[in-house]
Amino acid sequence: MELIMKRIAKRKTYTIGKLYIDGEPFCDTLEPTWRDYANGAYKMKGKSAIPDGSYAVVISYSPKFQEWLPLLLGGPEFNRKWQGVRIHAGNSAKDTEGCILVGENREVGRVLDSRRTLARLMKRLAERPEGEAVRLRIES
């Protein structure tokens, strides 16, 4: 299964994107501030969107959220700097410390109906053929 997240609005305190599943539009996303890492920007703990790229996605139990959620995995550098990046529910940039929030962007700088959207995403992930890998490609 291929997830693609295209960032469409890079603002000072948040980043809005669109999430596609196997090429079909699925929902909107919200992250912290996008930073141009390719041109020397630095990660700020809890306040930076993750770098563009392709990531394996696994479903694992989150002790913080006490539920099963998607977890992004990258290479050693990514796993060291962005350890624990998940896709989860939330409404504003203050609800994320670098993770990806899912929902509907019907208010400036926010996503709404996040819990319902996350439930729909988890259902889609559970319905994929057994053993099928999930990858997330992030584009700015």
N, C-alpha and C. Protein backbone atom coordinates (compact mmCIF):
# COMPACT_ATOMS: atom_id res chain seq x y z
N MET A 1 0.85 -1.17 0.00
CA MET A 1 0.00 0.00 0.00
C MET A 1 0.90 1.23 0.00
N GLU A 2 0.58 2.18 -0.85
CA GLU A 2 1.37 3.41 -0.92
C GLU A 2 0.56 4.60 -0.41
N LEU A 3 1.12 5.26 0.59
CA LEU A 3 0.57 6.52 1.09
C LEU A 3 1.46 7.63 0.55
N ILE A 4 0.86 8.68 0.06
CA ILE A 4 1.61 9.85 -0.39
C ILE A 4 1.06 11.06 0.34
N MET A 5 1.95 11.83 0.95
CA MET A 5 1.55 13.07 1.61
C MET A 5 2.22 14.22 0.87
N LYS A 6 1.39 15.09 0.31
CA LYS A 6 1.89 16.26 -0.41
C LYS A 6 1.63 17.49 0.44
N ARG A 7 2.69 18.18 0.80
CA ARG A 7 2.56 19.40 1.60
C ARG A 7 2.11 20.53 0.68
N ILE A 8 1.04 21.20 1.08
CA ILE A 8 0.46 22.23 0.21
C ILE A 8 0.48 23.63 0.82
N ALA A 9 0.66 23.74 2.13
CA ALA A 9 0.69 25.06 2.78
C ALA A 9 1.72 25.03 3.89
N LYS A 10 2.83 25.72 3.67
CA LYS A 10 3.91 25.79 4.66
C LYS A 10 3.83 27.15 5.34
N ARG A 11 3.35 27.16 6.56
CA ARG A 11 3.20 28.40 7.30
C ARG A 11 4.23 28.48 8.42
N LYS A 12 4.28 29.60 9.08
CA LYS A 12 5.29 29.83 10.11
C LYS A 12 5.18 28.85 11.28
N THR A 13 3.97 28.46 11.65
CA THR A 13 3.79 27.61 12.83
C THR A 13 3.16 26.24 12.53
N TYR A 14 2.85 25.96 11.27
CA TYR A 14 2.24 24.68 10.93
C TYR A 14 2.41 24.40 9.44
N THR A 15 2.14 23.15 9.06
CA THR A 15 2.20 22.72 7.67
C THR A 15 0.97 21.88 7.37
N ILE A 16 0.27 22.22 6.30
CA ILE A 16 -0.92 21.47 5.87
C ILE A 16 -0.55 20.64 4.65
N GLY A 17 -1.06 19.42 4.61
CA GLY A 17 -0.83 18.56 3.46
C GLY A 17 -2.08 17.79 3.07
N LYS A 18 -1.95 17.03 2.00
CA LYS A 18 -3.01 16.14 1.53
C LYS A 18 -2.44 14.73 1.54
N LEU A 19 -3.21 13.79 2.07
CA LEU A 19 -2.80 12.38 2.10
C LEU A 19 -3.59 11.60 1.06
N TYR A 20 -2.86 10.81 0.27
CA TYR A 20 -3.44 9.95 -0.76
C TYR A 20 -3.12 8.51 -0.41
N ILE A 21 -4.08 7.62 -0.67
CA ILE A 21 -3.85 6.19 -0.50
C ILE A 21 -3.98 5.54 -1.86
N ASP A 22 -2.88 4.92 -2.30
CA ASP A 22 -2.84 4.29 -3.62
C ASP A 22 -3.37 5.22 -4.71
N GLY A 23 -2.97 6.49 -4.63
CA GLY A 23 -3.31 7.49 -5.64
C GLY A 23 -4.63 8.20 -5.46
N GLU A 24 -5.46 7.75 -4.51
CA GLU A 24 -6.77 8.37 -4.29
C GLU A 24 -6.72 9.32 -3.10
N PRO A 25 -7.30 10.53 -3.22
CA PRO A 25 -7.33 11.46 -2.08
C PRO A 25 -8.02 10.81 -0.88
N PHE A 26 -7.43 10.98 0.31
CA PHE A 26 -8.00 10.38 1.51
C PHE A 26 -8.37 11.43 2.56
N CYS A 27 -7.43 12.32 2.92
CA CYS A 27 -7.70 13.31 3.96
C CYS A 27 -6.65 14.41 3.91
N ASP A 28 -6.79 15.35 4.83
CA ASP A 28 -5.79 16.40 5.01
C ASP A 28 -4.87 16.02 6.17
N THR A 29 -3.70 16.65 6.21
CA THR A 29 -2.75 16.40 7.28
C THR A 29 -2.28 17.72 7.88
N LEU A 30 -1.78 17.64 9.10
CA LEU A 30 -1.20 18.80 9.76
C LEU A 30 0.06 18.36 10.48
N GLU A 31 1.12 19.15 10.32
CA GLU A 31 2.40 18.89 10.97
C GLU A 31 2.92 20.20 11.56
N PRO A 32 4.00 20.12 12.33
CA PRO A 32 4.66 21.35 12.76
C PRO A 32 5.29 22.07 11.56
N THR A 33 6.06 23.07 11.81
CA THR A 33 6.69 23.89 10.79
C THR A 33 7.60 23.09 9.87
N TRP A 34 7.44 23.28 8.55
CA TRP A 34 8.32 22.68 7.56
C TRP A 34 9.63 23.45 7.57
N ARG A 35 10.74 22.73 7.47
CA ARG A 35 12.06 23.35 7.43
C ARG A 35 12.83 22.81 6.23
N ASP A 36 13.59 23.67 5.61
CA ASP A 36 14.34 23.30 4.40
C ASP A 36 15.66 22.66 4.79
N TYR A 37 15.60 21.39 5.19
CA TYR A 37 16.80 20.68 5.65
C TYR A 37 17.86 20.57 4.56
N ALA A 38 17.43 20.46 3.30
CA ALA A 38 18.38 20.32 2.19
C ALA A 38 19.28 21.56 2.06
N ASN A 39 18.81 22.69 2.56
CA ASN A 39 19.59 23.93 2.45
C ASN A 39 20.05 24.44 3.81
N GLY A 40 20.28 23.53 4.75
CA GLY A 40 20.91 23.90 6.01
C GLY A 40 20.01 24.15 7.20
N ALA A 41 18.70 24.01 7.05
CA ALA A 41 17.81 24.22 8.20
C ALA A 41 18.05 23.11 9.23
N TYR A 42 17.81 23.42 10.48
CA TYR A 42 18.00 22.47 11.57
C TYR A 42 16.66 22.06 12.16
N LYS A 43 16.62 20.84 12.63
CA LYS A 43 15.44 20.33 13.33
C LYS A 43 15.35 21.01 14.70
N MET A 44 14.14 21.42 15.05
CA MET A 44 13.88 21.95 16.39
C MET A 44 12.99 20.94 17.09
N LYS A 45 13.45 20.41 18.20
CA LYS A 45 12.74 19.34 18.90
C LYS A 45 11.27 19.69 19.12
N GLY A 46 10.40 18.81 18.62
CA GLY A 46 8.97 18.96 18.82
C GLY A 46 8.31 20.04 17.98
N LYS A 47 9.08 20.74 17.14
CA LYS A 47 8.51 21.86 16.38
C LYS A 47 8.88 21.81 14.90
N SER A 48 9.26 20.63 14.42
CA SER A 48 9.70 20.51 13.03
C SER A 48 9.01 19.36 12.33
N ALA A 49 8.57 19.62 11.09
CA ALA A 49 8.04 18.55 10.25
C ALA A 49 9.20 17.65 9.83
N ILE A 50 8.88 16.40 9.55
CA ILE A 50 9.94 15.47 9.16
C ILE A 50 10.39 15.75 7.73
N PRO A 51 11.58 15.29 7.37
CA PRO A 51 12.09 15.55 6.01
C PRO A 51 11.27 14.82 4.94
N ASP A 52 11.28 15.41 3.74
CA ASP A 52 10.71 14.72 2.59
C ASP A 52 11.44 13.38 2.43
N GLY A 53 10.74 12.40 1.90
CA GLY A 53 11.37 11.11 1.68
C GLY A 53 10.36 10.00 1.72
N SER A 54 10.87 8.78 1.70
CA SER A 54 10.04 7.58 1.72
C SER A 54 10.31 6.82 3.01
N TYR A 55 9.25 6.41 3.67
CA TYR A 55 9.35 5.76 4.98
C TYR A 55 8.50 4.51 5.03
N ALA A 56 9.04 3.48 5.66
CA ALA A 56 8.23 2.30 5.96
C ALA A 56 7.26 2.68 7.07
N VAL A 57 6.08 2.10 7.04
CA VAL A 57 5.07 2.35 8.07
C VAL A 57 4.67 1.01 8.67
N VAL A 58 4.74 0.94 9.99
CA VAL A 58 4.29 -0.25 10.71
C VAL A 58 3.24 0.18 11.72
N ILE A 59 2.40 -0.75 12.08
CA ILE A 59 1.41 -0.48 13.13
C ILE A 59 1.97 -1.05 14.41
N SER A 60 2.09 -0.21 15.43
CA SER A 60 2.61 -0.68 16.71
C SER A 60 1.85 0.02 17.84
N TYR A 61 1.99 -0.55 19.02
CA TYR A 61 1.30 0.00 20.18
C TYR A 61 2.05 1.22 20.70
N SER A 62 1.33 2.31 20.90
CA SER A 62 1.91 3.54 21.44
C SER A 62 1.60 3.63 22.93
N PRO A 63 2.60 3.52 23.79
CA PRO A 63 2.36 3.70 25.22
C PRO A 63 1.83 5.10 25.54
N LYS A 64 2.30 6.10 24.80
CA LYS A 64 1.86 7.48 25.03
C LYS A 64 0.36 7.64 24.78
N PHE A 65 -0.11 7.10 23.65
CA PHE A 65 -1.52 7.25 23.28
C PHE A 65 -2.38 6.07 23.72
N GLN A 66 -1.73 5.01 24.16
CA GLN A 66 -2.39 3.79 24.61
C GLN A 66 -3.34 3.22 23.56
N GLU A 67 -2.83 3.18 22.33
CA GLU A 67 -3.58 2.57 21.24
C GLU A 67 -2.60 2.18 20.13
N TRP A 68 -3.06 1.36 19.21
CA TRP A 68 -2.26 0.94 18.07
C TRP A 68 -2.32 2.05 17.02
N LEU A 69 -1.13 2.49 16.56
CA LEU A 69 -1.04 3.59 15.61
C LEU A 69 0.06 3.34 14.60
N PRO A 70 -0.03 3.98 13.41
CA PRO A 70 1.05 3.89 12.45
C PRO A 70 2.32 4.59 12.97
N LEU A 71 3.46 3.95 12.75
CA LEU A 71 4.77 4.46 13.16
C LEU A 71 5.65 4.51 11.93
N LEU A 72 6.34 5.63 11.70
CA LEU A 72 7.24 5.78 10.56
C LEU A 72 8.64 5.31 10.93
N LEU A 73 9.23 4.56 10.00
CA LEU A 73 10.60 4.08 10.17
C LEU A 73 11.43 4.54 8.99
N GLY A 74 12.64 5.01 9.27
CA GLY A 74 13.56 5.43 8.22
C GLY A 74 14.91 4.80 8.47
N GLY A 75 15.93 5.41 7.94
CA GLY A 75 17.28 4.94 8.17
C GLY A 75 17.76 5.33 9.56
N PRO A 76 19.01 4.97 9.90
CA PRO A 76 19.53 5.24 11.25
C PRO A 76 19.47 6.72 11.64
N GLU A 77 19.79 7.62 10.72
CA GLU A 77 19.76 9.07 11.02
C GLU A 77 18.34 9.52 11.35
N PHE A 78 17.38 9.09 10.52
CA PHE A 78 15.99 9.44 10.78
C PHE A 78 15.53 8.88 12.12
N ASN A 79 15.80 7.60 12.34
CA ASN A 79 15.34 6.96 13.58
C ASN A 79 15.96 7.60 14.82
N ARG A 80 17.17 8.15 14.69
CA ARG A 80 17.81 8.82 15.83
C ARG A 80 17.18 10.19 16.08
N LYS A 81 16.98 10.98 15.02
CA LYS A 81 16.48 12.35 15.18
C LYS A 81 14.97 12.43 15.33
N TRP A 82 14.25 11.54 14.66
CA TRP A 82 12.79 11.62 14.66
C TRP A 82 12.17 10.36 15.26
N GLN A 83 12.75 9.85 16.28
CA GLN A 83 12.27 8.63 16.90
C GLN A 83 10.82 8.79 17.35
N GLY A 84 10.00 7.81 17.03
CA GLY A 84 8.61 7.79 17.52
C GLY A 84 7.63 8.62 16.71
N VAL A 85 7.94 8.94 15.45
CA VAL A 85 7.00 9.72 14.63
C VAL A 85 5.83 8.83 14.24
N ARG A 86 4.65 9.27 14.59
CA ARG A 86 3.43 8.50 14.33
C ARG A 86 2.42 9.33 13.54
N ILE A 87 1.42 8.64 13.04
CA ILE A 87 0.23 9.28 12.49
C ILE A 87 -0.83 9.12 13.57
N HIS A 88 -1.40 10.23 14.01
CA HIS A 88 -2.39 10.14 15.09
C HIS A 88 -3.41 11.27 15.00
N ALA A 89 -4.34 11.29 15.93
CA ALA A 89 -5.39 12.31 15.97
C ALA A 89 -4.88 13.56 16.67
N GLY A 90 -5.45 14.68 16.32
CA GLY A 90 -5.13 15.97 16.90
C GLY A 90 -5.70 17.04 16.00
N ASN A 91 -5.77 18.27 16.51
CA ASN A 91 -6.41 19.32 15.74
C ASN A 91 -5.51 20.49 15.35
N SER A 92 -4.46 20.75 16.12
CA SER A 92 -3.61 21.91 15.82
C SER A 92 -2.14 21.54 16.01
N ALA A 93 -1.26 22.45 15.62
CA ALA A 93 0.18 22.19 15.72
C ALA A 93 0.61 21.94 17.16
N LYS A 94 -0.12 22.46 18.13
CA LYS A 94 0.25 22.20 19.52
C LYS A 94 -0.07 20.76 19.94
N ASP A 95 -0.83 20.03 19.11
CA ASP A 95 -1.15 18.62 19.38
C ASP A 95 -0.12 17.66 18.81
N THR A 96 0.91 18.19 18.18
CA THR A 96 1.93 17.33 17.58
C THR A 96 3.32 17.81 17.97
N GLU A 97 4.19 16.87 18.21
CA GLU A 97 5.60 17.17 18.50
C GLU A 97 6.47 16.64 17.37
N GLY A 98 5.95 16.71 16.16
CA GLY A 98 6.67 16.21 14.99
C GLY A 98 5.93 15.13 14.26
N CYS A 99 4.81 14.68 14.81
CA CYS A 99 4.00 13.64 14.18
C CYS A 99 3.09 14.24 13.11
N ILE A 100 2.38 13.36 12.43
CA ILE A 100 1.44 13.75 11.38
C ILE A 100 0.02 13.56 11.92
N LEU A 101 -0.75 14.63 11.91
CA LEU A 101 -2.15 14.57 12.32
C LEU A 101 -3.01 14.44 11.07
N VAL A 102 -4.08 13.66 11.16
CA VAL A 102 -4.99 13.49 10.04
C VAL A 102 -6.35 14.07 10.38
N GLY A 103 -7.06 14.55 9.36
CA GLY A 103 -8.39 15.13 9.56
C GLY A 103 -8.82 15.88 8.32
N GLU A 104 -9.68 16.88 8.54
CA GLU A 104 -10.20 17.72 7.46
C GLU A 104 -9.82 19.16 7.75
N ASN A 105 -9.12 19.79 6.82
CA ASN A 105 -8.65 21.16 6.99
C ASN A 105 -9.77 22.13 6.58
N ARG A 106 -10.70 22.34 7.52
CA ARG A 106 -11.82 23.27 7.27
C ARG A 106 -11.66 24.56 8.05
N GLU A 107 -10.62 24.68 8.87
CA GLU A 107 -10.29 25.91 9.59
C GLU A 107 -8.81 26.19 9.38
N VAL A 108 -8.47 27.45 9.30
CA VAL A 108 -7.07 27.83 9.08
C VAL A 108 -6.18 27.26 10.18
N GLY A 109 -5.14 26.53 9.76
CA GLY A 109 -4.16 26.01 10.70
C GLY A 109 -4.62 24.84 11.54
N ARG A 110 -5.73 24.21 11.18
CA ARG A 110 -6.28 23.11 11.99
C ARG A 110 -6.80 21.99 11.08
N VAL A 111 -6.89 20.79 11.65
CA VAL A 111 -7.64 19.71 11.02
C VAL A 111 -8.74 19.29 12.00
N LEU A 112 -9.91 19.04 11.46
CA LEU A 112 -11.07 18.66 12.28
C LEU A 112 -11.46 17.22 11.98
N ASP A 113 -12.35 16.67 12.79
CA ASP A 113 -12.80 15.28 12.65
C ASP A 113 -11.62 14.31 12.63
N SER A 114 -10.63 14.60 13.45
CA SER A 114 -9.39 13.85 13.44
C SER A 114 -9.56 12.41 13.93
N ARG A 115 -10.28 12.21 15.00
CA ARG A 115 -10.46 10.84 15.52
C ARG A 115 -11.20 9.96 14.51
N ARG A 116 -12.21 10.51 13.90
CA ARG A 116 -12.97 9.77 12.89
C ARG A 116 -12.08 9.45 11.68
N THR A 117 -11.28 10.43 11.25
CA THR A 117 -10.38 10.22 10.12
C THR A 117 -9.33 9.17 10.45
N LEU A 118 -8.78 9.23 11.66
CA LEU A 118 -7.80 8.22 12.07
C LEU A 118 -8.44 6.83 12.07
N ALA A 119 -9.66 6.72 12.54
CA ALA A 119 -10.35 5.42 12.56
C ALA A 119 -10.53 4.90 11.13
N ARG A 120 -10.87 5.79 10.19
CA ARG A 120 -11.01 5.38 8.79
C ARG A 120 -9.66 4.92 8.22
N LEU A 121 -8.58 5.63 8.58
CA LEU A 121 -7.25 5.25 8.11
C LEU A 121 -6.85 3.89 8.67
N MET A 122 -7.08 3.67 9.95
CA MET A 122 -6.73 2.39 10.56
C MET A 122 -7.52 1.25 9.92
N LYS A 123 -8.77 1.50 9.59
CA LYS A 123 -9.60 0.50 8.92
C LYS A 123 -9.02 0.16 7.55
N ARG A 124 -8.62 1.18 6.79
CA ARG A 124 -8.03 0.94 5.47
C ARG A 124 -6.73 0.15 5.59
N LEU A 125 -5.92 0.48 6.58
CA LEU A 125 -4.66 -0.25 6.78
C LEU A 125 -4.93 -1.70 7.16
N ALA A 126 -5.95 -1.93 7.97
CA ALA A 126 -6.28 -3.29 8.40
C ALA A 126 -6.86 -4.12 7.26
N GLU A 127 -7.48 -3.47 6.28
CA GLU A 127 -8.11 -4.19 5.16
C GLU A 127 -7.14 -4.57 4.06
N ARG A 128 -5.90 -4.10 4.12
CA ARG A 128 -4.95 -4.42 3.05
C ARG A 128 -4.64 -5.92 3.11
N PRO A 129 -4.21 -6.49 1.99
CA PRO A 129 -3.87 -7.92 1.98
C PRO A 129 -2.81 -8.24 3.03
N GLU A 130 -2.96 -9.38 3.67
CA GLU A 130 -2.02 -9.79 4.72
C GLU A 130 -0.59 -9.80 4.19
N GLY A 131 0.29 -9.18 4.93
CA GLY A 131 1.70 -9.14 4.57
C GLY A 131 2.08 -8.01 3.62
N GLU A 132 1.10 -7.27 3.10
CA GLU A 132 1.43 -6.17 2.20
C GLU A 132 2.08 -5.03 2.98
N ALA A 133 3.25 -4.60 2.51
CA ALA A 133 3.98 -3.51 3.15
C ALA A 133 3.27 -2.18 2.93
N VAL A 134 3.51 -1.25 3.85
CA VAL A 134 2.97 0.10 3.72
C VAL A 134 4.16 1.06 3.68
N ARG A 135 4.15 1.96 2.71
CA ARG A 135 5.18 3.00 2.60
C ARG A 135 4.49 4.35 2.53
N LEU A 136 5.13 5.33 3.13
CA LEU A 136 4.66 6.72 3.06
C LEU A 136 5.73 7.54 2.36
N ARG A 137 5.34 8.19 1.28
CA ARG A 137 6.23 9.11 0.56
C ARG A 137 5.76 10.52 0.85
N ILE A 138 6.68 11.35 1.34
CA ILE A 138 6.37 12.73 1.70
C ILE A 138 7.03 13.66 0.70
N GLU A 139 6.22 14.56 0.13
CA GLU A 139 6.69 15.50 -0.88
C GLU A 139 6.34 16.92 -0.46
N SER A 140 7.26 17.84 -0.71
CA SER A 140 6.98 19.26 -0.43
C SER A 140 6.79 20.01 -1.73
